[in-house]
C-alpha atoms as a PDB file:
ATOM      1  CA  UNK A   1     -16.068   8.246 -13.832  1.00  0.00           C
ATOM      2  CA  UNK A   2     -14.208  10.635 -11.875  1.00  0.00           C
ATOM      3  CA  UNK A   3     -10.700   9.336 -10.607  1.00  0.00           C
ATOM      4  CA  UNK A   4     -11.762  10.467  -7.011  1.00  0.00           C
ATOM      5  CA  UNK A   5     -14.760   8.295  -6.940  1.00  0.00           C
ATOM      6  CA  UNK A   6     -13.362   5.124  -8.884  1.00  0.00           C
ATOM      7  CA  UNK A   7     -14.067   2.285  -6.545  1.00  0.00           C
ATOM      8  CA  UNK A   8     -10.932   0.262  -7.645  1.00  0.00           C
ATOM      9  CA  UNK A   9      -8.908   3.198  -6.100  1.00  0.00           C
ATOM     10  CA  UNK A  10     -11.138   3.329  -2.995  1.00  0.00           C
ATOM     11  CA  UNK A  11     -10.552  -0.541  -2.374  1.00  0.00           C
ATOM     12  CA  UNK A  12      -7.254  -0.184  -3.200  1.00  0.00           C
ATOM     13  CA  UNK A  13      -6.898   2.648  -0.306  1.00  0.00           C
ATOM     14  CA  UNK A  14      -8.420   0.479   2.187  1.00  0.00           C
ATOM     15  CA  UNK A  15      -6.210  -2.472   1.275  1.00  0.00           C
ATOM     16  CA  UNK A  16      -3.230  -0.409   1.630  1.00  0.00           C
ATOM     17  CA  UNK A  17      -4.840   0.401   5.174  1.00  0.00           C
ATOM     18  CA  UNK A  18      -5.210  -3.109   6.119  1.00  0.00           C
ATOM     19  CA  UNK A  19      -1.489  -3.858   4.783  1.00  0.00           C
ATOM     20  CA  UNK A  20       0.183  -1.453   6.931  1.00  0.00           C
ATOM     21  CA  UNK A  21      -1.877  -2.585  10.397  1.00  0.00           C
ATOM     22  CA  UNK A  22      -1.378  -5.840   9.548  1.00  0.00           C
ATOM     23  CA  UNK A  23       2.510  -4.919   9.428  1.00  0.00           C
ATOM     24  CA  UNK A  24       2.114  -3.221  12.636  1.00  0.00           C
ATOM     25  CA  UNK A  25       0.188  -5.846  14.245  1.00  0.00           C
ATOM     26  CA  UNK A  26       2.284  -8.827  13.077  1.00  0.00           C
ATOM     27  CA  UNK A  27       5.947  -7.785  13.260  1.00  0.00           C
ATOM     28  CA  UNK A  28       6.579  -4.451  15.153  1.00  0.00           C
ATOM     29  CA  UNK A  29       4.373  -4.985  18.391  1.00  0.00           C
ATOM     30  CA  UNK A  30       5.136  -8.442  18.964  1.00  0.00           C
ATOM     31  CA  UNK A  31       8.753  -7.760  18.817  1.00  0.00           C
ATOM     32  CA  UNK A  32       8.330  -5.171  21.475  1.00  0.00           C
ATOM     33  CA  UNK A  33       6.315  -6.878  23.706  1.00  0.00           C
ATOM     34  CA  UNK A  34       6.677 -10.476  23.619  1.00  0.00           C
ATOM     35  CA  UNK A  35      10.113 -12.390  25.032  1.00  0.00           C
ATOM     36  CA  UNK A  36      10.165 -16.090  23.744  1.00  0.00           C
ATOM     37  CA  UNK A  37      12.095 -18.258  25.803  1.00  0.00           C
ATOM     38  CA  UNK A  38      11.891 -16.534  29.259  1.00  0.00           C
ATOM     39  CA  UNK A  39       8.536 -16.782  30.807  1.00  0.00           C
ATOM     40  CA  UNK A  40       9.374 -14.940  33.788  1.00  0.00           C
ATOM     41  CA  UNK A  41      10.627 -11.927  31.584  1.00  0.00           C
ATOM     42  CA  UNK A  42       7.504 -12.018  29.446  1.00  0.00           C
ATOM     43  CA  UNK A  43       5.283 -11.501  32.381  1.00  0.00           C
ATOM     44  CA  UNK A  44       7.058  -8.761  33.737  1.00  0.00           C
ATOM     45  CA  UNK A  45       7.035  -7.054  30.060  1.00  0.00           C
ATOM     46  CA  UNK A  46       3.099  -8.056  30.012  1.00  0.00           C
ATOM     47  CA  UNK A  47       2.552  -6.268  33.426  1.00  0.00           C
ATOM     48  CA  UNK A  48       4.753  -3.309  32.435  1.00  0.00           C
ATOM     49  CA  UNK A  49       2.829  -2.703  29.023  1.00  0.00           C
ATOM     50  CA  UNK A  50      -0.503  -3.400  29.629  1.00  0.00           C
ATOM     51  CA  UNK A  51      -1.799  -0.834  27.686  1.00  0.00           C
ATOM     52  CA  UNK A  52       0.465  -2.325  24.736  1.00  0.00           C
ATOM     53  CA  UNK A  53      -1.367  -5.493  24.769  1.00  0.00           C
ATOM     54  CA  UNK A  54      -4.977  -4.170  25.159  1.00  0.00           C
ATOM     55  CA  UNK A  55      -4.155  -1.446  21.849  1.00  0.00           C
ATOM     56  CA  UNK A  56      -2.970  -4.659  20.017  1.00  0.00           C
ATOM     57  CA  UNK A  57      -6.167  -6.533  20.839  1.00  0.00           C
ATOM     58  CA  UNK A  58      -8.395  -3.622  19.892  1.00  0.00           C
ATOM     59  CA  UNK A  59      -6.691  -2.796  16.886  1.00  0.00           C
ATOM     60  CA  UNK A  60      -6.581  -6.487  15.624  1.00  0.00           C
ATOM     61  CA  UNK A  61     -10.387  -7.104  16.175  1.00  0.00           C
ATOM     62  CA  UNK A  62     -11.920  -3.329  15.813  1.00  0.00           C
ATOM     63  CA  UNK A  63      -9.839  -2.071  13.101  1.00  0.00           C
ATOM     64  CA  UNK A  64      -9.758  -5.162  10.787  1.00  0.00           C
ATOM     65  CA  UNK A  65     -13.467  -5.287  10.852  1.00  0.00           C
ATOM     66  CA  UNK A  66     -14.213  -1.757  10.248  1.00  0.00           C
ATOM     67  CA  UNK A  67     -11.471  -2.128   7.031  1.00  0.00           C
ATOM     68  CA  UNK A  68     -13.575  -4.944   5.778  1.00  0.00           C
ATOM     69  CA  UNK A  69     -16.698  -3.192   6.344  1.00  0.00           C
ATOM     70  CA  UNK A  70     -15.625  -0.362   4.524  1.00  0.00           C
ATOM     71  CA  UNK A  71     -13.953  -2.258   1.687  1.00  0.00           C
ATOM     72  CA  UNK A  72     -17.323  -4.189   0.881  1.00  0.00           C
ATOM     73  CA  UNK A  73     -19.003  -1.287  -0.716  1.00  0.00           C
ATOM     74  CA  UNK A  74     -16.552  -0.403  -3.003  1.00  0.00           C
ATOM     75  CA  UNK A  75     -15.927  -3.889  -4.161  1.00  0.00           C
ATOM     76  CA  UNK A  76     -19.582  -4.056  -5.065  1.00  0.00           C
ATOM     77  CA  UNK A  77     -19.520  -1.018  -7.147  1.00  0.00           C
ATOM     78  CA  UNK A  78     -16.464  -2.451  -8.818  1.00  0.00           C
ATOM     79  CA  UNK A  79     -17.975  -5.727  -9.726  1.00  0.00           C
ATOM     80  CA  UNK A  80     -21.657  -4.391 -10.511  1.00  0.00           C
ATOM     81  CA  UNK A  81     -20.074  -2.815 -13.547  1.00  0.00           C
ATOM     82  CA  UNK A  82     -18.154  -6.112 -14.471  1.00  0.00           C
ATOM     83  CA  UNK A  83     -21.210  -8.023 -14.221  1.00  0.00           C
ATOM     84  CA  UNK A  84     -24.828  -6.648 -13.877  1.00  0.00           C
ATOM     85  CA  UNK A  85     -27.390  -8.575 -11.606  1.00  0.00           C
ATOM     86  CA  UNK A  86     -28.800 -11.826 -13.356  1.00  0.00           C
ATOM     87  CA  UNK A  87     -32.295 -11.485 -14.960  1.00  0.00           C
ATOM     88  CA  UNK A  88     -34.974 -13.784 -13.129  1.00  0.00           C
ATOM     89  CA  UNK A  89     -35.587 -16.811 -15.350  1.00  0.00           C
ATOM     90  CA  UNK A  90     -39.081 -16.644 -17.189  1.00  0.00           C
ATOM     91  CA  UNK A  91     -41.098 -19.547 -16.758  1.00  0.00           C
END
């Protein structure tokens, strides 16, 4: 198996990508957009940065789903080598 097609490395890449996306979504964006304890200021911040809120929602839902979908195939290839498919029972 060549290092470029190693399913473990491919899975690691997708999980690293999801890690950095989660850091962005959970740490950086809320600190820039949300104002805790002041509802009026939070509303003004929301109106001023509507695109940021929209991007946050799209990134969370769409990008997270894409990463999970693309990490399923390398996981399948990785574990197929470890445990081949079970043989059907003979009656």
